Amino acid sequence: MKSNIKKLGIFLLAASFGIILCYAMLDFFDSTLNGVFLDWFDKNFMYDYDVGIKSSSNQRIYAHSINWRAVKSFLLTFSVLLLEAWIISVFLAVHFSAKKASKRTIEETGKKIHAYMAKGVDAEDIFPDTYKELAVQMMAIKTNMMQNEQRLREEAQRKSDLITYLAHDLKTPLTSVIGYLSLLDEIPEMPEKQRARYTKITLEKAQRLEKLTNEFFEITRYNLQQISIEKEEVDLSYMLFQMADEFYPILQAHGNTVELDAEEELTVMADPVELARVFNNILKNAVAYSYPDTVIKIKAKKEGDSLQVSFSNEGKTIPKQKLDSIFEKFFRLDEARATNTGGAGLGLAIAKEIVALHNGTISASSENGITVFLVTLPFASQE
């Protein structure tokens, strides 16, 4: 409303200025310049015509009259030019006024946004009613930023804790390896049976040390790597069959078996190496957290416009609050470092990134001792 009143005021001011300018110009040419206007008018808009002969003096009489056709033509042209000049002047006045007002509004809005983002205050205390829509958007942005900051802080804390635990855990197997090797070196006449037992323990501790070292490098390397994919047509059924076969030693060591149920001719446009990495990470997680001597079920099927691959295992039900964080970086279900379950907490986070690059989704559910990971991918024909 205020803006419209302001524009009307500018309009009336410009019109008044135009009228005053015309009168001023007329006075200037007619009075100040000694009748220049009248001379010009007489030359361009007056004409003489013969009215006859005066009978008394036998002289021809001429009349001096206005050429109204020329006057109307001039007034029309002058009016058009004046109107154009007036429109241009109003346009320029409104344009620069609006530009100035816009700049002032932007500066004012910027100050309000800065004040709101920098201070812990409510949006209502910073933004007036005229900024209501902006206030709602800024509240959403600030909330999202705070959530992201909190998530990054938690991620950094988990990473820091994990490195601390790893540094501590590296000492235990390293101390054992040094201790047993020292015994073997100091007692060359040690009985063969005892030597074999110490050698076996040393090897197990060294393998544990290698695993922890690999975890450490996985954590430090994660932020430096950039996952990129090169898609090609992949036979999903064959990939899952091959993976289950390659996991046989790991499954056997834990007493697990795999039950694969995959439809034929399941193809998908994907990076075969990275997609295999996804399924390996999920299956590795399923083995680590499943009960011994249980079956891990893998199913692959067409579902609507997509392909679905599910991994289900029997184990402890994952609490809801942990299930929501299971795909976050450096998150481990089992926080006790004394166990061998889990790794650096990156496997599922990496799997989620790779699936997202394939325009797919990954989710997890857990209830009544059954945990299911579901990967959904688009058909090859949809690429």
Protein backbone atom coordinates (compact mmCIF):
# COMPACT_ATOMS: atom_id res chain seq x y z
CA MET A 1 0.00 0.00 0.00
CA LYS A 2 2.74 2.41 0.99
CA SER A 3 4.65 1.52 -2.18
CA ASN A 4 1.64 2.35 -4.40
CA ILE A 5 1.09 5.71 -2.65
CA LYS A 6 4.76 6.52 -3.16
CA LYS A 7 4.55 5.71 -6.89
CA LEU A 8 1.43 7.89 -7.27
CA GLY A 9 3.23 10.76 -5.55
CA ILE A 10 6.16 10.43 -7.93
CA PHE A 11 3.74 10.39 -10.87
CA LEU A 12 1.93 13.58 -9.78
CA LEU A 13 5.23 15.29 -9.04
CA ALA A 14 6.55 14.47 -12.51
CA ALA A 15 3.32 15.71 -14.17
CA SER A 16 3.42 18.97 -12.23
CA PHE A 17 7.04 19.45 -13.11
CA GLY A 18 6.25 18.95 -16.82
CA ILE A 19 3.48 21.59 -16.79
CA ILE A 20 5.62 24.10 -14.93
CA LEU A 21 8.47 23.48 -17.35
CA CYS A 22 6.23 24.23 -20.36
CA TYR A 23 5.05 27.55 -18.91
CA ALA A 24 8.57 28.48 -17.95
CA MET A 25 9.80 27.80 -21.50
CA LEU A 26 6.93 29.87 -22.98
CA ASP A 27 7.71 32.81 -20.71
CA PHE A 28 11.38 32.54 -21.50
CA PHE A 29 10.97 32.61 -25.28
CA ASP A 30 8.19 35.23 -25.39
CA SER A 31 9.22 37.70 -22.72
CA THR A 32 12.92 37.26 -22.03
CA LEU A 33 13.88 36.83 -25.68
CA ASN A 34 11.70 39.79 -26.87
CA GLY A 35 8.90 38.03 -28.66
CA VAL A 36 10.91 35.26 -30.27
CA PHE A 37 8.04 32.88 -29.65
CA LEU A 38 5.51 35.19 -31.31
CA ASP A 39 7.76 35.68 -34.31
CA TRP A 40 8.23 31.95 -34.60
CA PHE A 41 4.50 31.33 -34.24
CA ASP A 42 3.67 33.97 -36.87
CA LYS A 43 6.14 32.50 -39.33
CA ASN A 44 4.99 28.87 -38.94
CA PHE A 45 1.28 29.07 -38.10
CA MET A 46 -0.06 32.33 -39.66
CA TYR A 47 -0.87 33.08 -43.28
CA ASP A 48 -2.29 35.94 -45.39
CA TYR A 49 -5.21 35.61 -47.76
CA ASP A 50 -6.96 37.94 -50.17
CA VAL A 51 -10.37 39.20 -49.00
CA GLY A 52 -11.08 41.50 -51.92
CA ILE A 53 -10.71 45.18 -53.06
CA LYS A 54 -11.70 48.12 -50.89
CA SER A 55 -14.22 50.14 -52.94
CA SER A 56 -13.36 53.57 -51.61
CA SER A 57 -9.65 53.35 -52.32
CA ASN A 58 -9.64 50.60 -54.87
CA GLN A 59 -6.94 48.81 -52.82
CA ARG A 60 -6.67 45.05 -52.38
CA ILE A 61 -7.19 43.89 -48.81
CA TYR A 62 -5.37 40.91 -47.20
CA ALA A 63 -6.34 39.17 -43.94
CA HIS A 64 -3.88 37.60 -41.44
CA SER A 65 -5.22 34.30 -39.97
CA ILE A 66 -4.12 31.20 -38.07
CA ASN A 67 -3.36 28.02 -39.98
CA TRP A 68 -5.25 25.64 -37.71
CA ARG A 69 -4.18 22.56 -39.65
CA ALA A 70 -0.51 23.39 -38.97
CA VAL A 71 -1.28 24.22 -35.33
CA LYS A 72 -3.06 20.90 -34.79
CA SER A 73 -0.26 18.98 -36.49
CA PHE A 74 2.33 20.73 -34.34
CA LEU A 75 0.36 20.23 -31.11
CA LEU A 76 -0.10 16.55 -31.88
CA THR A 77 3.63 16.07 -32.55
CA PHE A 78 4.60 18.16 -29.55
CA SER A 79 2.16 16.29 -27.29
CA VAL A 80 3.52 12.93 -28.39
CA LEU A 81 7.11 14.03 -27.80
CA LEU A 82 6.17 15.57 -24.46
CA LEU A 83 4.34 12.43 -23.44
CA GLU A 84 7.33 10.29 -24.40
CA ALA A 85 9.66 12.58 -22.45
CA TRP A 86 7.32 12.47 -19.48
CA ILE A 87 7.03 8.66 -19.61
CA ILE A 88 10.81 8.31 -19.83
CA SER A 89 11.35 10.70 -16.95
CA VAL A 90 8.74 8.90 -14.80
CA PHE A 91 10.23 5.55 -15.71
CA LEU A 92 13.72 6.69 -14.80
CA ALA A 93 12.49 8.23 -11.57
CA VAL A 94 10.58 5.08 -10.59
CA HIS A 95 13.44 2.84 -11.72
CA PHE A 96 16.11 4.60 -9.70
CA SER A 97 13.77 4.99 -6.75
CA ALA A 98 12.90 1.29 -6.85
CA LYS A 99 16.57 0.38 -7.27
CA LYS A 100 17.47 2.49 -4.28
CA ALA A 101 14.60 1.03 -2.26
CA SER A 102 15.59 -2.51 -3.33
CA LYS A 103 19.19 -1.90 -2.30
CA ARG A 104 18.03 -0.54 1.03
CA THR A 105 15.71 -3.55 1.49
CA ILE A 106 18.49 -5.99 0.63
CA GLU A 107 20.87 -4.33 3.07
CA GLU A 108 18.21 -4.32 5.77
CA THR A 109 17.32 -7.95 5.07
CA GLY A 110 21.00 -8.92 5.13
CA LYS A 111 21.44 -7.28 8.52
CA LYS A 112 18.38 -9.08 9.88
CA ILE A 113 19.57 -12.45 8.52
CA HIS A 114 23.06 -11.91 9.95
CA ALA A 115 21.61 -10.92 13.32
CA TYR A 116 19.30 -13.95 13.36
CA MET A 117 22.00 -16.44 12.33
CA ALA A 118 24.63 -15.00 14.69
CA LYS A 119 22.45 -14.75 17.79
CA GLY A 120 20.43 -17.30 19.68
CA VAL A 121 17.14 -15.42 19.34
CA ASP A 122 13.70 -16.24 18.00
CA ALA A 123 12.86 -15.25 14.44
CA GLU A 124 9.91 -13.18 15.70
CA ASP A 125 12.35 -10.94 17.60
CA ILE A 126 14.30 -10.11 14.43
CA PHE A 127 11.86 -10.23 11.53
CA PRO A 128 8.69 -8.04 11.51
CA ASP A 129 5.37 -9.29 10.12
CA THR A 130 6.27 -8.10 6.60
CA TYR A 131 9.18 -10.59 6.66
CA LYS A 132 7.03 -13.51 7.82
CA GLU A 133 7.73 -15.75 4.82
CA LEU A 134 11.45 -15.03 5.00
CA ALA A 135 11.40 -15.73 8.74
CA VAL A 136 9.90 -19.18 8.14
CA GLN A 137 12.54 -20.00 5.53
CA MET A 138 15.38 -18.76 7.73
CA MET A 139 14.09 -20.83 10.65
CA ALA A 140 14.18 -23.93 8.44
CA ILE A 141 17.68 -23.11 7.16
CA LYS A 142 19.02 -22.41 10.65
CA THR A 143 17.47 -25.60 12.02
CA ASN A 144 19.00 -27.61 9.18
CA MET A 145 22.41 -25.97 9.73
CA MET A 146 22.29 -26.69 13.45
CA GLN A 147 21.37 -30.31 12.78
CA ASN A 148 24.24 -30.65 10.28
CA GLU A 149 26.67 -29.05 12.73
CA GLN A 150 25.52 -31.39 15.48
CA ARG A 151 25.87 -34.38 13.14
CA LEU A 152 29.39 -33.29 12.17
CA ARG A 153 30.34 -32.80 15.83
CA GLU A 154 29.04 -36.26 16.68
CA GLU A 155 30.84 -37.74 13.70
CA ALA A 156 34.10 -36.02 14.68
CA GLN A 157 33.67 -37.21 18.27
CA ARG A 158 33.05 -40.80 17.14
CA LYS A 159 36.11 -40.63 14.90
CA SER A 160 38.22 -39.23 17.74
CA ASP A 161 36.98 -41.88 20.17
CA LEU A 162 37.58 -44.62 17.63
CA ILE A 163 41.16 -43.51 17.00
CA THR A 164 41.73 -43.31 20.75
CA TYR A 165 40.37 -46.84 21.23
CA LEU A 166 42.45 -48.11 18.31
CA ALA A 167 45.62 -46.54 19.67
CA HIS A 168 44.94 -48.18 23.02
CA ASP A 169 44.02 -51.55 21.49
CA LEU A 170 47.14 -51.60 19.33
CA LYS A 171 49.26 -51.82 22.46
CA THR A 172 47.73 -55.07 23.72
CA PRO A 173 48.50 -57.40 20.78
CA LEU A 174 51.81 -55.61 20.16
CA THR A 175 52.87 -56.20 23.77
CA SER A 176 51.85 -59.87 23.49
CA VAL A 177 53.75 -60.33 20.22
CA ILE A 178 56.92 -58.79 21.70
CA GLY A 179 56.53 -60.83 24.88
CA TYR A 180 56.10 -64.22 23.21
CA LEU A 181 58.84 -63.53 20.63
CA SER A 182 61.17 -62.56 23.49
CA LEU A 183 60.44 -65.87 25.25
CA LEU A 184 61.10 -67.82 22.05
CA ASP A 185 64.37 -65.91 21.59
CA GLU A 186 65.53 -66.22 25.20
CA ILE A 187 64.73 -69.94 25.60
CA PRO A 188 66.04 -71.74 22.52
CA GLU A 189 65.73 -75.12 24.29
CA MET A 190 61.98 -74.60 24.90
CA PRO A 191 59.98 -77.81 24.35
CA GLU A 192 58.61 -78.15 20.84
CA LYS A 193 55.00 -78.39 21.98
CA GLN A 194 55.26 -75.23 24.06
CA ARG A 195 57.13 -73.44 21.26
CA ALA A 196 54.35 -74.34 18.80
CA ARG A 197 51.69 -73.03 21.19
CA TYR A 198 53.57 -69.73 21.72
CA THR A 199 54.09 -69.39 17.97
CA LYS A 200 50.38 -69.89 17.34
CA ILE A 201 49.44 -67.28 19.95
CA THR A 202 51.97 -64.84 18.48
CA LEU A 203 50.50 -65.33 15.00
CA GLU A 204 46.95 -64.71 16.30
CA LYS A 205 48.05 -61.53 18.06
CA ALA A 206 49.91 -60.37 14.94
CA GLN A 207 46.78 -60.97 12.84
CA ARG A 208 44.75 -58.97 15.36
CA LEU A 209 47.35 -56.23 15.17
CA GLU A 210 47.09 -56.22 11.36
CA LYS A 211 43.31 -55.92 11.53
CA LEU A 212 43.51 -52.95 13.91
CA THR A 213 46.13 -51.30 11.72
CA ASN A 214 43.91 -51.72 8.67
CA GLU A 215 41.05 -50.13 10.60
CA PHE A 216 43.26 -47.19 11.47
CA PHE A 217 44.27 -46.64 7.86
CA GLU A 218 40.65 -47.01 6.73
CA ILE A 219 39.63 -44.18 9.08
CA THR A 220 42.44 -41.82 8.09
CA ARG A 221 42.03 -42.56 4.36
CA TYR A 222 38.25 -42.11 4.20
CA ASN A 223 38.18 -38.30 3.95
CA LEU A 224 40.85 -38.35 1.23
CA GLN A 225 39.05 -40.67 -1.17
CA GLN A 226 36.53 -39.64 -3.78
CA ILE A 227 34.16 -42.37 -4.87
CA SER A 228 33.47 -42.30 -8.61
CA ILE A 229 31.54 -44.81 -10.67
CA GLU A 230 31.61 -46.07 -14.26
CA LYS A 231 28.37 -47.79 -15.15
CA GLU A 232 27.89 -50.82 -17.36
CA GLU A 233 25.30 -53.56 -17.60
CA VAL A 234 25.74 -55.95 -14.68
CA ASP A 235 24.26 -59.42 -14.18
CA LEU A 236 23.05 -58.98 -10.60
CA SER A 237 22.13 -62.63 -10.05
CA TYR A 238 25.60 -63.83 -11.04
CA MET A 239 27.28 -61.16 -8.89
CA LEU A 240 25.39 -62.26 -5.76
CA PHE A 241 26.09 -65.95 -6.47
CA GLN A 242 29.81 -65.24 -6.89
CA MET A 243 29.92 -63.14 -3.71
CA ALA A 244 28.22 -65.86 -1.63
CA ASP A 245 30.78 -68.36 -2.94
CA GLU A 246 33.73 -66.09 -2.08
CA PHE A 247 32.41 -65.57 1.47
CA TYR A 248 32.41 -69.31 2.20
CA PRO A 249 35.56 -69.29 4.42
CA ILE A 250 34.27 -66.36 6.51
CA LEU A 251 30.83 -67.92 6.83
CA GLN A 252 32.27 -71.29 7.79
CA ALA A 253 34.48 -69.76 10.47
CA HIS A 254 31.40 -68.24 12.08
CA GLY A 255 29.19 -71.25 11.49
CA ASN A 256 26.88 -69.38 9.10
CA THR A 257 25.44 -70.40 5.76
CA VAL A 258 23.95 -68.34 2.94
CA GLU A 259 20.59 -68.96 1.31
CA LEU A 260 20.44 -67.14 -2.03
CA ASP A 261 17.11 -66.61 -3.80
CA ALA A 262 17.63 -64.51 -6.93
CA GLU A 263 15.40 -64.24 -9.97
CA GLU A 264 16.95 -64.90 -13.36
CA GLU A 265 17.94 -62.15 -15.80
CA LEU A 266 18.29 -59.43 -13.21
CA THR A 267 20.42 -56.76 -14.88
CA VAL A 268 21.25 -53.28 -13.67
CA MET A 269 23.31 -50.36 -14.97
CA ALA A 270 26.00 -50.06 -12.32
CA ASP A 271 29.68 -49.96 -11.53
CA PRO A 272 30.40 -53.67 -10.91
CA VAL A 273 33.34 -53.02 -8.58
CA GLU A 274 31.55 -50.46 -6.40
CA LEU A 275 28.26 -52.38 -6.34
CA ALA A 276 30.12 -55.52 -5.26
CA ARG A 277 31.68 -53.38 -2.54
CA VAL A 278 28.19 -52.47 -1.30
CA PHE A 279 27.04 -56.09 -1.08
CA ASN A 280 30.34 -57.18 0.49
CA ASN A 281 30.03 -54.55 3.22
CA ILE A 282 26.43 -55.53 3.98
CA LEU A 283 27.17 -59.26 4.04
CA LYS A 284 30.27 -58.72 6.18
CA ASN A 285 28.12 -56.77 8.63
CA ALA A 286 25.48 -59.52 8.62
CA VAL A 287 28.08 -62.17 9.45
CA ALA A 288 29.63 -60.05 12.22
CA TYR A 289 26.32 -59.46 14.02
CA SER A 290 24.49 -62.74 13.37
CA TYR A 291 24.19 -65.59 15.79
CA PRO A 292 26.54 -68.54 15.07
CA ASP A 293 25.10 -71.45 13.10
CA THR A 294 22.31 -69.38 11.55
CA VAL A 295 21.29 -68.76 7.96
CA ILE A 296 21.85 -65.43 6.23
CA LYS A 297 19.18 -64.99 3.55
CA ILE A 298 19.81 -63.00 0.37
CA LYS A 299 16.90 -62.26 -1.96
CA ALA A 300 16.93 -60.39 -5.26
CA LYS A 301 13.77 -59.64 -7.25
CA LYS A 302 12.00 -57.18 -9.49
CA GLU A 303 9.60 -54.88 -7.66
CA GLY A 304 7.67 -52.39 -9.78
CA ASP A 305 10.13 -50.13 -11.58
CA SER A 306 13.16 -51.24 -9.60
CA LEU A 307 15.29 -54.13 -8.40
CA GLN A 308 15.41 -55.04 -4.72
CA VAL A 309 18.19 -56.93 -2.94
CA SER A 310 17.67 -57.82 0.72
CA PHE A 311 20.03 -59.32 3.31
CA SER A 312 18.47 -60.75 6.48
CA ASN A 313 20.24 -62.30 9.44
CA GLU A 314 19.34 -63.56 12.89
CA GLY A 315 20.94 -61.68 15.76
CA LYS A 316 20.26 -59.13 18.46
CA THR A 317 17.53 -56.68 17.58
CA ILE A 318 19.06 -53.31 16.81
CA PRO A 319 17.51 -50.57 18.99
CA LYS A 320 15.53 -47.92 17.13
CA GLN A 321 17.88 -45.09 18.17
CA LYS A 322 20.88 -46.99 16.80
CA LEU A 323 19.06 -48.09 13.66
CA ASP A 324 18.61 -44.42 12.72
CA SER A 325 22.39 -43.87 12.92
CA ILE A 326 23.59 -47.12 11.37
CA PHE A 327 24.60 -45.50 8.05
CA GLU A 328 26.52 -42.62 9.66
CA LYS A 329 30.30 -42.50 9.38
CA PHE A 330 32.33 -44.02 12.24
CA PHE A 331 29.19 -45.46 13.87
CA ARG A 332 29.61 -48.92 15.41
CA LEU A 333 26.75 -50.98 16.82
CA ASP A 334 29.10 -52.63 19.29
CA GLU A 335 31.03 -49.94 21.15
CA ALA A 336 32.99 -52.45 23.19
CA ARG A 337 36.40 -52.65 21.56
CA ALA A 338 37.07 -55.98 23.20
CA THR A 339 34.82 -57.70 20.65
CA ASN A 340 35.72 -58.55 17.08
CA THR A 341 32.44 -57.37 15.61
CA GLY A 342 32.34 -54.40 13.32
CA GLY A 343 35.22 -52.39 11.95
CA ALA A 344 35.93 -48.71 11.62
CA GLY A 345 32.24 -47.92 11.26
CA LEU A 346 32.60 -46.96 7.58
CA GLY A 347 31.31 -49.98 5.68
CA LEU A 348 27.62 -49.06 5.71
CA ALA A 349 28.34 -45.33 5.28
CA ILE A 350 30.35 -46.11 2.14
CA ALA A 351 27.61 -48.46 0.94
CA LYS A 352 25.04 -45.69 1.29
CA GLU A 353 27.18 -43.26 -0.74
CA ILE A 354 27.68 -45.79 -3.54
CA VAL A 355 23.97 -46.69 -3.70
CA ALA A 356 23.08 -42.97 -3.84
CA LEU A 357 25.48 -42.53 -6.79
CA HIS A 358 23.49 -45.27 -8.54
CA ASN A 359 20.23 -43.34 -7.92
CA GLY A 360 19.12 -46.03 -5.49
CA THR A 361 18.25 -46.28 -1.81
CA ILE A 362 19.40 -48.37 1.14
CA SER A 363 17.54 -48.93 4.39
CA ALA A 364 17.57 -51.18 7.46
CA SER A 365 14.94 -52.65 9.76
CA SER A 366 15.26 -54.82 12.84
CA GLU A 367 12.65 -56.53 14.99
CA ASN A 368 12.16 -59.84 16.79
CA GLY A 369 15.82 -60.77 16.30
CA ILE A 370 15.71 -60.38 12.49
CA THR A 371 17.70 -57.59 10.85
CA VAL A 372 17.08 -56.77 7.18
CA PHE A 373 19.09 -54.50 4.87
CA LEU A 374 17.26 -53.52 1.68
CA VAL A 375 18.97 -52.07 -1.41
CA THR A 376 16.77 -50.69 -4.19
CA LEU A 377 18.23 -49.96 -7.64
CA PRO A 378 16.66 -48.76 -10.93
CA PHE A 379 16.34 -51.11 -13.87
CA ALA A 380 19.03 -51.10 -16.54
CA SER A 381 16.43 -49.89 -19.04
CA GLN A 382 15.79 -46.76 -16.96
CA GLU A 383 19.34 -45.48 -17.30
